[in-house]
Amino acid sequence: MIDTLTPQHWKQYQLIDTGGFEKLEKFGNFILARPEPQAIWDKTLSEEEWKKKANANFKKDFQNPDKGIWSHGKDLPQHWIMEYNAEVSLKFKISLSSFKHVGIFPEQAANWDYIYQKVKALNMPKPKFLNLFAYTGGASLAAAKAGADVTHVDSIKQVITWANDNKELNQIPDIRWVVDDAMKFAKREIKRGNKYNGIILDPPAYGRGPDGEKWILEQNILELLKMCNQLLDPDNRFLILNIYSLGFSAMIVDNLMNNCIDNITNRQVGELYLEDSFNKKLPLGIYYRFTS
């Protein structure tokens, strides 16, 4: 059965409006307008209302489609702090990047809750948790706060520096930071004989490792999931896979996981989404998770 999943506990984030291939969002005290390729419907608010509300707007650089420029007023700080308050309480540094990202993916809060609860439920000293394609570390923070021994892997050094800022904000004593290509790291961990109780993967459609290694989701995800199967503890384990790619469906992800992971139980597969103020649901990728 295909499920849908959205966060339930945000107080400092709001998806205000969507449409016209954009989204209008509130992060803490500031409102941002940025591109959203899946918002193909009309906006509910007028363009004038969007302009009045937004503290900053992101516009693509047509000479370099992977990047863009933020236009904003003087009242917007270089960065600010926002909080997520649920069973797990987390703080994040928010900042405007040239890739339209701001430091968190709000829909992932549903997975932070799941990770925190599953690590606690393992009821063992220092469960081992691996975060691949880890970005600024929301999942890493949730696992660490639940008592896990966390390894955080990302190919971009500046992003790991940002994740470390988040660790300091949350007064978490230790996370293992690894600047590496996810595939290379997984292969080395298998050779070392290391096992993990929890793994989360949030791979991009395309990417580059620190030494120029090429990542193409359709070509590489099968091999990486098979490696994750070898890295998971056979008894006390859980795994989360997030895929934000228009070419993938929940059915494809379900088939992949059944092909790659042994003895799956307690499985959930479906779409992550956020709902704006006008009841429009914005799909934000496929998730798959299981525990045993």
C-alpha atoms as a PDB file:
ATOM      1  CA  MET A   1       0.000   0.000   0.000  1.00  0.00           C
ATOM      2  CA  ILE A   2       1.303   3.472  -0.927  1.00  0.00           C
ATOM      3  CA  ASP A   3       1.218   5.946   1.978  1.00  0.00           C
ATOM      4  CA  THR A   4       1.558   9.719   2.244  1.00  0.00           C
ATOM      5  CA  LEU A   5       3.565  11.371   4.994  1.00  0.00           C
ATOM      6  CA  THR A   6       3.943  14.965   6.179  1.00  0.00           C
ATOM      7  CA  PRO A   7       5.488  16.503   9.325  1.00  0.00           C
ATOM      8  CA  GLN A   8       3.102  17.159  12.203  1.00  0.00           C
ATOM      9  CA  HIS A   9       5.099  19.266  14.655  1.00  0.00           C
ATOM     10  CA  TRP A  10       6.501  22.343  12.898  1.00  0.00           C
ATOM     11  CA  LYS A  11       5.882  25.632  14.725  1.00  0.00           C
ATOM     12  CA  GLN A  12       8.558  27.814  13.079  1.00  0.00           C
ATOM     13  CA  TYR A  13       8.108  26.632   9.488  1.00  0.00           C
ATOM     14  CA  GLN A  14       5.126  27.298   7.223  1.00  0.00           C
ATOM     15  CA  LEU A  15       4.488  26.618   3.543  1.00  0.00           C
ATOM     16  CA  ILE A  16       2.394  29.687   2.765  1.00  0.00           C
ATOM     17  CA  ASP A  17       1.598  29.285  -0.937  1.00  0.00           C
ATOM     18  CA  THR A  18       2.679  27.260  -3.968  1.00  0.00           C
ATOM     19  CA  GLY A  19       2.231  27.580  -7.725  1.00  0.00           C
ATOM     20  CA  GLY A  20       3.771  28.969 -10.878  1.00  0.00           C
ATOM     21  CA  PHE A  21       6.788  26.688 -10.279  1.00  0.00           C
ATOM     22  CA  GLU A  22       7.537  28.479  -6.991  1.00  0.00           C
ATOM     23  CA  LYS A  23       6.930  28.133  -3.251  1.00  0.00           C
ATOM     24  CA  LEU A  24       6.552  30.796  -0.566  1.00  0.00           C
ATOM     25  CA  GLU A  25       7.848  29.604   2.823  1.00  0.00           C
ATOM     26  CA  LYS A  26       8.368  30.973   6.318  1.00  0.00           C
ATOM     27  CA  PHE A  27      11.570  29.893   8.080  1.00  0.00           C
ATOM     28  CA  GLY A  28      11.483  31.276  11.594  1.00  0.00           C
ATOM     29  CA  ASN A  29      10.908  35.036  11.289  1.00  0.00           C
ATOM     30  CA  PHE A  30      11.606  35.348   7.559  1.00  0.00           C
ATOM     31  CA  ILE A  31       9.682  34.506   4.387  1.00  0.00           C
ATOM     32  CA  LEU A  32      11.437  33.233   1.260  1.00  0.00           C
ATOM     33  CA  ALA A  33      10.258  32.701  -2.326  1.00  0.00           C
ATOM     34  CA  ARG A  34      12.162  30.128  -4.357  1.00  0.00           C
ATOM     35  CA  PRO A  35      11.708  27.776  -7.326  1.00  0.00           C
ATOM     36  CA  GLU A  36       9.749  24.524  -7.035  1.00  0.00           C
ATOM     37  CA  PRO A  37       9.558  22.440 -10.243  1.00  0.00           C
ATOM     38  CA  GLN A  38       6.592  20.362  -9.045  1.00  0.00           C
ATOM     39  CA  ALA A  39       4.309  23.321  -8.271  1.00  0.00           C
ATOM     40  CA  ILE A  40       2.819  23.382 -11.762  1.00  0.00           C
ATOM     41  CA  TRP A  41      -0.558  24.835 -10.691  1.00  0.00           C
ATOM     42  CA  ASP A  42      -1.514  28.505 -10.225  1.00  0.00           C
ATOM     43  CA  LYS A  43      -0.592  30.509  -7.151  1.00  0.00           C
ATOM     44  CA  THR A  44      -3.465  31.362  -4.810  1.00  0.00           C
ATOM     45  CA  LEU A  45      -2.012  34.691  -3.691  1.00  0.00           C
ATOM     46  CA  SER A  46      -1.311  37.377  -6.278  1.00  0.00           C
ATOM     47  CA  GLU A  47       2.196  38.184  -7.491  1.00  0.00           C
ATOM     48  CA  GLU A  48       1.926  41.488  -5.629  1.00  0.00           C
ATOM     49  CA  GLU A  49       1.112  39.658  -2.381  1.00  0.00           C
ATOM     50  CA  TRP A  50       4.105  37.366  -2.871  1.00  0.00           C
ATOM     51  CA  LYS A  51       6.390  40.380  -3.357  1.00  0.00           C
ATOM     52  CA  LYS A  52       5.025  42.081  -0.237  1.00  0.00           C
ATOM     53  CA  LYS A  53       5.423  39.003   1.936  1.00  0.00           C
ATOM     54  CA  ALA A  54       8.849  37.752   0.791  1.00  0.00           C
ATOM     55  CA  ASN A  55      11.979  38.950   2.579  1.00  0.00           C
ATOM     56  CA  ALA A  56      14.039  37.326  -0.190  1.00  0.00           C
ATOM     57  CA  ASN A  57      13.465  35.958  -3.690  1.00  0.00           C
ATOM     58  CA  PHE A  58      15.617  33.419  -5.524  1.00  0.00           C
ATOM     59  CA  LYS A  59      16.065  33.795  -9.273  1.00  0.00           C
ATOM     60  CA  LYS A  60      17.896  31.323 -11.473  1.00  0.00           C
ATOM     61  CA  ASP A  61      21.073  32.310 -13.273  1.00  0.00           C
ATOM     62  CA  PHE A  62      20.275  31.488 -16.904  1.00  0.00           C
ATOM     63  CA  GLN A  63      23.980  31.280 -17.736  1.00  0.00           C
ATOM     64  CA  ASN A  64      24.452  28.673 -15.014  1.00  0.00           C
ATOM     65  CA  PRO A  65      21.118  26.848 -14.414  1.00  0.00           C
ATOM     66  CA  ASP A  66      22.472  25.029 -11.353  1.00  0.00           C
ATOM     67  CA  LYS A  67      22.888  28.305  -9.482  1.00  0.00           C
ATOM     68  CA  GLY A  68      21.045  31.550  -8.897  1.00  0.00           C
ATOM     69  CA  ILE A  69      20.905  34.816  -6.985  1.00  0.00           C
ATOM     70  CA  TRP A  70      18.883  35.896  -3.958  1.00  0.00           C
ATOM     71  CA  SER A  71      17.457  39.414  -3.945  1.00  0.00           C
ATOM     72  CA  HIS A  72      16.591  40.622  -0.459  1.00  0.00           C
ATOM     73  CA  GLY A  73      16.229  43.685   1.713  1.00  0.00           C
ATOM     74  CA  LYS A  74      18.640  45.013   4.326  1.00  0.00           C
ATOM     75  CA  ASP A  75      16.579  43.561   7.164  1.00  0.00           C
ATOM     76  CA  LEU A  76      17.548  39.971   6.286  1.00  0.00           C
ATOM     77  CA  PRO A  77      20.571  38.711   8.297  1.00  0.00           C
ATOM     78  CA  GLN A  78      23.335  36.598   6.790  1.00  0.00           C
ATOM     79  CA  HIS A  79      22.017  33.662   8.800  1.00  0.00           C
ATOM     80  CA  TRP A  80      19.484  33.008  11.559  1.00  0.00           C
ATOM     81  CA  ILE A  81      18.405  30.203  13.880  1.00  0.00           C
ATOM     82  CA  MET A  82      15.150  28.270  13.748  1.00  0.00           C
ATOM     83  CA  GLU A  83      13.921  25.441  15.952  1.00  0.00           C
ATOM     84  CA  TYR A  84      12.041  22.199  15.515  1.00  0.00           C
ATOM     85  CA  ASN A  85      10.179  21.197  18.671  1.00  0.00           C
ATOM     86  CA  ALA A  86       8.682  17.717  18.934  1.00  0.00           C
ATOM     87  CA  GLU A  87       9.736  14.688  20.979  1.00  0.00           C
ATOM     88  CA  VAL A  88      13.173  15.609  19.672  1.00  0.00           C
ATOM     89  CA  SER A  89      14.070  19.300  19.864  1.00  0.00           C
ATOM     90  CA  LEU A  90      16.513  20.590  17.238  1.00  0.00           C
ATOM     91  CA  LYS A  91      18.067  23.922  16.240  1.00  0.00           C
ATOM     92  CA  PHE A  92      19.287  24.814  12.746  1.00  0.00           C
ATOM     93  CA  LYS A  93      21.334  27.580  11.182  1.00  0.00           C
ATOM     94  CA  ILE A  94      19.421  28.934   8.180  1.00  0.00           C
ATOM     95  CA  SER A  95      21.314  30.711   5.401  1.00  0.00           C
ATOM     96  CA  LEU A  96      20.763  31.508   1.719  1.00  0.00           C
ATOM     97  CA  SER A  97      22.878  29.424  -0.673  1.00  0.00           C
ATOM     98  CA  SER A  98      23.502  29.977  -4.378  1.00  0.00           C
ATOM     99  CA  PHE A  99      21.769  26.618  -5.044  1.00  0.00           C
ATOM    100  CA  LYS A 100      18.431  27.901  -3.597  1.00  0.00           C
ATOM    101  CA  HIS A 101      18.833  25.693  -0.487  1.00  0.00           C
ATOM    102  CA  VAL A 102      18.651  27.210   2.994  1.00  0.00           C
ATOM    103  CA  GLY A 103      20.029  24.510   5.307  1.00  0.00           C
ATOM    104  CA  ILE A 104      17.029  22.250   5.933  1.00  0.00           C
ATOM    105  CA  PHE A 105      14.437  20.285   4.007  1.00  0.00           C
ATOM    106  CA  PRO A 106      11.333  20.839   6.196  1.00  0.00           C
ATOM    107  CA  GLU A 107       9.518  17.719   4.965  1.00  0.00           C
ATOM    108  CA  GLN A 108      12.311  15.613   6.474  1.00  0.00           C
ATOM    109  CA  ALA A 109      11.075  16.441   9.985  1.00  0.00           C
ATOM    110  CA  ALA A 110       8.821  13.375   9.655  1.00  0.00           C
ATOM    111  CA  ASN A 111      11.968  11.268   9.304  1.00  0.00           C
ATOM    112  CA  TRP A 112      13.755  13.025  12.199  1.00  0.00           C
ATOM    113  CA  ASP A 113      10.885  11.936  14.464  1.00  0.00           C
ATOM    114  CA  TYR A 114      11.106   8.370  13.127  1.00  0.00           C
ATOM    115  CA  ILE A 115      14.889   8.197  13.602  1.00  0.00           C
ATOM    116  CA  TYR A 116      14.711   9.523  17.159  1.00  0.00           C
ATOM    117  CA  GLN A 117      12.016   7.017  18.099  1.00  0.00           C
ATOM    118  CA  LYS A 118      13.716   4.043  16.410  1.00  0.00           C
ATOM    119  CA  VAL A 119      17.121   4.719  17.973  1.00  0.00           C
ATOM    120  CA  LYS A 120      15.464   4.971  21.393  1.00  0.00           C
ATOM    121  CA  ALA A 121      13.507   1.749  20.754  1.00  0.00           C
ATOM    122  CA  LEU A 122      16.699  -0.220  20.016  1.00  0.00           C
ATOM    123  CA  ASN A 123      17.312  -0.050  23.777  1.00  0.00           C
ATOM    124  CA  MET A 124      21.052  -0.638  23.501  1.00  0.00           C
ATOM    125  CA  PRO A 125      24.122   1.445  24.393  1.00  0.00           C
ATOM    126  CA  LYS A 126      25.303   3.619  21.513  1.00  0.00           C
ATOM    127  CA  PRO A 127      23.557   2.148  18.430  1.00  0.00           C
ATOM    128  CA  LYS A 128      25.518   2.914  15.270  1.00  0.00           C
ATOM    129  CA  PHE A 129      23.861   5.222  12.740  1.00  0.00           C
ATOM    130  CA  LEU A 130      25.049   6.122   9.223  1.00  0.00           C
ATOM    131  CA  ASN A 131      23.842   9.182   7.307  1.00  0.00           C
ATOM    132  CA  LEU A 132      24.804   9.120   3.606  1.00  0.00           C
ATOM    133  CA  PHE A 133      24.421  12.246   1.426  1.00  0.00           C
ATOM    134  CA  ALA A 134      23.950  13.844   4.828  1.00  0.00           C
ATOM    135  CA  TYR A 135      23.772  17.580   3.944  1.00  0.00           C
ATOM    136  CA  THR A 136      23.532  19.801   7.058  1.00  0.00           C
ATOM    137  CA  GLY A 137      22.637  16.924   9.318  1.00  0.00           C
ATOM    138  CA  GLY A 138      19.038  17.003  10.538  1.00  0.00           C
ATOM    139  CA  ALA A 139      18.946  13.198  10.605  1.00  0.00           C
ATOM    140  CA  SER A 140      22.385  13.063  12.236  1.00  0.00           C
ATOM    141  CA  LEU A 141      21.276  15.442  14.995  1.00  0.00           C
ATOM    142  CA  ALA A 142      18.101  13.435  15.682  1.00  0.00           C
ATOM    143  CA  ALA A 143      20.044  10.167  15.917  1.00  0.00           C
ATOM    144  CA  ALA A 144      22.743  11.691  18.137  1.00  0.00           C
ATOM    145  CA  LYS A 145      20.150  13.198  20.490  1.00  0.00           C
ATOM    146  CA  ALA A 146      18.593   9.747  20.840  1.00  0.00           C
ATOM    147  CA  GLY A 147      21.978   8.361  21.920  1.00  0.00           C
ATOM    148  CA  ALA A 148      23.412   6.951  18.669  1.00  0.00           C
ATOM    149  CA  ASP A 149      27.045   6.846  17.590  1.00  0.00           C
ATOM    150  CA  VAL A 150      26.653   8.851  14.348  1.00  0.00           C
ATOM    151  CA  THR A 151      28.738   8.800  11.156  1.00  0.00           C
ATOM    152  CA  HIS A 152      27.834  11.675   8.810  1.00  0.00           C
ATOM    153  CA  VAL A 153      29.026  11.410   5.180  1.00  0.00           C
ATOM    154  CA  ASP A 154      28.835  14.151   2.568  1.00  0.00           C
ATOM    155  CA  SER A 155      31.039  15.003  -0.394  1.00  0.00           C
ATOM    156  CA  ILE A 156      31.089  18.781   0.187  1.00  0.00           C
ATOM    157  CA  LYS A 157      33.372  20.107   2.922  1.00  0.00           C
ATOM    158  CA  GLN A 158      31.495  23.419   3.302  1.00  0.00           C
ATOM    159  CA  VAL A 159      28.230  21.533   3.929  1.00  0.00           C
ATOM    160  CA  ILE A 160      29.874  19.472   6.676  1.00  0.00           C
ATOM    161  CA  THR A 161      31.130  22.712   8.245  1.00  0.00           C
ATOM    162  CA  TRP A 162      27.500  23.878   8.249  1.00  0.00           C
ATOM    163  CA  ALA A 163      26.434  20.566   9.824  1.00  0.00           C
ATOM    164  CA  ASN A 164      29.078  21.051  12.527  1.00  0.00           C
ATOM    165  CA  ASP A 165      27.620  24.494  13.272  1.00  0.00           C
ATOM    166  CA  ASN A 166      24.268  22.746  13.813  1.00  0.00           C
ATOM    167  CA  LYS A 167      25.929  20.201  16.105  1.00  0.00           C
ATOM    168  CA  GLU A 168      27.345  23.033  18.218  1.00  0.00           C
ATOM    169  CA  LEU A 169      23.962  24.772  18.325  1.00  0.00           C
ATOM    170  CA  ASN A 170      22.419  21.589  19.718  1.00  0.00           C
ATOM    171  CA  GLN A 171      25.255  21.005  22.214  1.00  0.00           C
ATOM    172  CA  ILE A 172      25.850  17.501  20.876  1.00  0.00           C
ATOM    173  CA  PRO A 173      29.268  16.243  22.027  1.00  0.00           C
ATOM    174  CA  ASP A 174      30.394  14.167  19.055  1.00  0.00           C
ATOM    175  CA  ILE A 175      29.514  13.207  15.476  1.00  0.00           C
ATOM    176  CA  ARG A 176      31.990  11.566  13.116  1.00  0.00           C
ATOM    177  CA  TRP A 177      32.344  13.815  10.052  1.00  0.00           C
ATOM    178  CA  VAL A 178      33.456  12.189   6.774  1.00  0.00           C
ATOM    179  CA  VAL A 179      34.070  14.152   3.569  1.00  0.00           C
ATOM    180  CA  ASP A 180      33.822  11.393   0.983  1.00  0.00           C
ATOM    181  CA  ASP A 181      31.960   9.850  -1.921  1.00  0.00           C
ATOM    182  CA  ALA A 182      29.107   7.708  -0.519  1.00  0.00           C
ATOM    183  CA  MET A 183      29.903   4.684  -2.701  1.00  0.00           C
ATOM    184  CA  LYS A 184      33.615   4.708  -1.829  1.00  0.00           C
ATOM    185  CA  PHE A 185      32.893   5.079   1.863  1.00  0.00           C
ATOM    186  CA  ALA A 186      30.361   2.224   1.865  1.00  0.00           C
ATOM    187  CA  LYS A 187      32.832  -0.095   0.087  1.00  0.00           C
ATOM    188  CA  ARG A 188      35.538   0.646   2.670  1.00  0.00           C
ATOM    189  CA  GLU A 189      33.144   0.074   5.573  1.00  0.00           C
ATOM    190  CA  ILE A 190      32.214  -3.345   4.150  1.00  0.00           C
ATOM    191  CA  LYS A 191      35.910  -4.270   3.924  1.00  0.00           C
ATOM    192  CA  ARG A 192      36.393  -3.151   7.526  1.00  0.00           C
ATOM    193  CA  GLY A 193      33.497  -5.353   8.612  1.00  0.00           C
ATOM    194  CA  ASN A 194      31.580  -2.458  10.181  1.00  0.00           C
ATOM    195  CA  LYS A 195      27.839  -2.757  10.830  1.00  0.00           C
ATOM    196  CA  TYR A 196      25.156  -0.134  11.495  1.00  0.00           C
ATOM    197  CA  ASN A 197      21.837  -0.323  13.298  1.00  0.00           C
ATOM    198  CA  GLY A 198      20.365   2.539  11.280  1.00  0.00           C
ATOM    199  CA  ILE A 199      21.069   4.002   7.830  1.00  0.00           C
ATOM    200  CA  ILE A 200      19.479   6.936   6.036  1.00  0.00           C
ATOM    201  CA  LEU A 201      20.164   7.792   2.385  1.00  0.00           C
ATOM    202  CA  ASP A 202      19.018  10.979   0.679  1.00  0.00           C
ATOM    203  CA  PRO A 203      20.759  10.760  -2.708  1.00  0.00           C
ATOM    204  CA  PRO A 204      20.515  13.466  -5.374  1.00  0.00           C
ATOM    205  CA  ALA A 205      19.584  12.731  -8.964  1.00  0.00           C
ATOM    206  CA  TYR A 206      23.095  13.819  -9.999  1.00  0.00           C
ATOM    207  CA  GLY A 207      26.174  14.664  -7.981  1.00  0.00           C
ATOM    208  CA  ARG A 208      29.951  14.705  -7.705  1.00  0.00           C
ATOM    209  CA  GLY A 209      32.220  13.279  -5.037  1.00  0.00           C
ATOM    210  CA  PRO A 210      35.136  15.263  -3.548  1.00  0.00           C
ATOM    211  CA  ASP A 211      37.505  13.839  -6.184  1.00  0.00           C
ATOM    212  CA  GLY A 212      35.089  14.261  -9.092  1.00  0.00           C
ATOM    213  CA  GLU A 213      33.385  10.878  -8.707  1.00  0.00           C
ATOM    214  CA  LYS A 214      30.172  10.883 -10.704  1.00  0.00           C
ATOM    215  CA  TRP A 215      26.863   9.948  -9.069  1.00  0.00           C
ATOM    216  CA  ILE A 216      23.865   9.202 -11.309  1.00  0.00           C
ATOM    217  CA  LEU A 217      20.864   7.972  -9.344  1.00  0.00           C
ATOM    218  CA  GLU A 218      19.491   5.517 -11.918  1.00  0.00           C
ATOM    219  CA  GLN A 219      22.919   3.974 -12.517  1.00  0.00           C
ATOM    220  CA  ASN A 220      24.259   3.810  -8.954  1.00  0.00           C
ATOM    221  CA  ILE A 221      21.396   3.387  -6.482  1.00  0.00           C
ATOM    222  CA  LEU A 222      21.048  -0.392  -6.980  1.00  0.00           C
ATOM    223  CA  GLU A 223      24.692  -1.052  -6.097  1.00  0.00           C
ATOM    224  CA  LEU A 224      24.616   1.320  -3.121  1.00  0.00           C
ATOM    225  CA  LEU A 225      21.496  -0.299  -1.653  1.00  0.00           C
ATOM    226  CA  LYS A 226      23.098  -3.740  -1.964  1.00  0.00           C
ATOM    227  CA  MET A 227      26.076  -2.390  -0.025  1.00  0.00           C
ATOM    228  CA  CYS A 228      23.733  -0.988   2.628  1.00  0.00           C
ATOM    229  CA  ASN A 229      22.275  -4.481   2.990  1.00  0.00           C
ATOM    230  CA  GLN A 230      25.771  -5.690   3.915  1.00  0.00           C
ATOM    231  CA  LEU A 231      26.318  -2.789   6.307  1.00  0.00           C
ATOM    232  CA  LEU A 232      23.094  -3.245   8.281  1.00  0.00           C
ATOM    233  CA  ASP A 233      23.130  -5.223  11.519  1.00  0.00           C
ATOM    234  CA  PRO A 234      21.127  -8.396  10.737  1.00  0.00           C
ATOM    235  CA  ASP A 235      19.064  -8.227  13.936  1.00  0.00           C
ATOM    236  CA  ASN A 236      18.584  -4.662  15.233  1.00  0.00           C
ATOM    237  CA  ARG A 237      18.217  -2.383  12.239  1.00  0.00           C
ATOM    238  CA  PHE A 238      16.250   0.232  10.376  1.00  0.00           C
ATOM    239  CA  LEU A 239      16.734   2.021   7.069  1.00  0.00           C
ATOM    240  CA  ILE A 240      15.288   5.125   5.424  1.00  0.00           C
ATOM    241  CA  LEU A 241      15.604   5.954   1.727  1.00  0.00           C
ATOM    242  CA  ASN A 242      14.489   9.321   0.331  1.00  0.00           C
ATOM    243  CA  ILE A 243      14.417   9.949  -3.409  1.00  0.00           C
ATOM    244  CA  TYR A 244      13.545  13.319  -4.916  1.00  0.00           C
ATOM    245  CA  SER A 245      13.575  12.584  -8.631  1.00  0.00           C
ATOM    246  CA  LEU A 246      10.734  13.010 -11.103  1.00  0.00           C
ATOM    247  CA  GLY A 247      11.778   9.764 -12.794  1.00  0.00           C
ATOM    248  CA  PHE A 248      11.131   7.580  -9.732  1.00  0.00           C
ATOM    249  CA  SER A 249       7.806   6.324  -8.393  1.00  0.00           C
ATOM    250  CA  ALA A 250       6.952   4.616  -5.105  1.00  0.00           C
ATOM    251  CA  MET A 251       6.552   1.363  -7.041  1.00  0.00           C
ATOM    252  CA  ILE A 252      10.074   1.613  -8.451  1.00  0.00           C
ATOM    253  CA  VAL A 253      11.499   2.271  -4.989  1.00  0.00           C
ATOM    254  CA  ASP A 254       9.518  -0.627  -3.519  1.00  0.00           C
ATOM    255  CA  ASN A 255      10.901  -2.992  -6.175  1.00  0.00           C
ATOM    256  CA  LEU A 256      14.437  -1.711  -5.575  1.00  0.00           C
ATOM    257  CA  MET A 257      14.282  -2.312  -1.856  1.00  0.00           C
ATOM    258  CA  ASN A 258      12.782  -5.774  -2.210  1.00  0.00           C
ATOM    259  CA  ASN A 259      15.574  -6.605  -4.646  1.00  0.00           C
ATOM    260  CA  CYS A 260      18.407  -5.297  -2.456  1.00  0.00           C
ATOM    261  CA  ILE A 261      17.530  -5.748   1.222  1.00  0.00           C
ATOM    262  CA  ASP A 262      17.111  -9.097   2.984  1.00  0.00           C
ATOM    263  CA  ASN A 263      14.227  -9.928   5.332  1.00  0.00           C
ATOM    264  CA  ILE A 264      12.299  -6.646   5.215  1.00  0.00           C
ATOM    265  CA  THR A 265       9.600  -6.241   7.860  1.00  0.00           C
ATOM    266  CA  ASN A 266       7.465  -3.304   9.049  1.00  0.00           C
ATOM    267  CA  ARG A 267       7.832  -1.519   5.723  1.00  0.00           C
ATOM    268  CA  GLN A 268       6.380   1.857   4.722  1.00  0.00           C
ATOM    269  CA  VAL A 269       6.600   3.338   1.235  1.00  0.00           C
ATOM    270  CA  GLY A 270       4.956   6.431  -0.187  1.00  0.00           C
ATOM    271  CA  GLU A 271       5.213  10.147  -0.892  1.00  0.00           C
ATOM    272  CA  LEU A 272       6.446  12.908   1.364  1.00  0.00           C
ATOM    273  CA  TYR A 273       4.564  16.184   1.046  1.00  0.00           C
ATOM    274  CA  LEU A 274       3.977  19.599   2.572  1.00  0.00           C
ATOM    275  CA  GLU A 275       0.596  21.327   2.534  1.00  0.00           C
ATOM    276  CA  ASP A 276       0.308  25.067   1.957  1.00  0.00           C
ATOM    277  CA  SER A 277      -2.143  27.472   3.609  1.00  0.00           C
ATOM    278  CA  PHE A 278      -4.679  26.870   0.828  1.00  0.00           C
ATOM    279  CA  ASN A 279      -4.746  23.049   1.159  1.00  0.00           C
ATOM    280  CA  LYS A 280      -2.570  22.416  -1.889  1.00  0.00           C
ATOM    281  CA  LYS A 281      -0.322  19.401  -1.276  1.00  0.00           C
ATOM    282  CA  LEU A 282       3.222  19.758  -2.644  1.00  0.00           C
ATOM    283  CA  PRO A 283       4.891  16.358  -3.308  1.00  0.00           C
ATOM    284  CA  LEU A 284       8.507  16.290  -2.160  1.00  0.00           C
ATOM    285  CA  GLY A 285       9.834  12.885  -3.047  1.00  0.00           C
ATOM    286  CA  ILE A 286       9.418   9.189  -2.349  1.00  0.00           C
ATOM    287  CA  TYR A 287      10.291   7.713   1.026  1.00  0.00           C
ATOM    288  CA  TYR A 288      10.827   4.115   2.034  1.00  0.00           C
ATOM    289  CA  ARG A 289      11.558   2.945   5.551  1.00  0.00           C
ATOM    290  CA  PHE A 290      11.590  -0.316   7.456  1.00  0.00           C
ATOM    291  CA  THR A 291      12.608  -1.597  10.835  1.00  0.00           C
ATOM    292  CA  SER A 292      13.253  -5.055  12.222  1.00  0.00           C
END
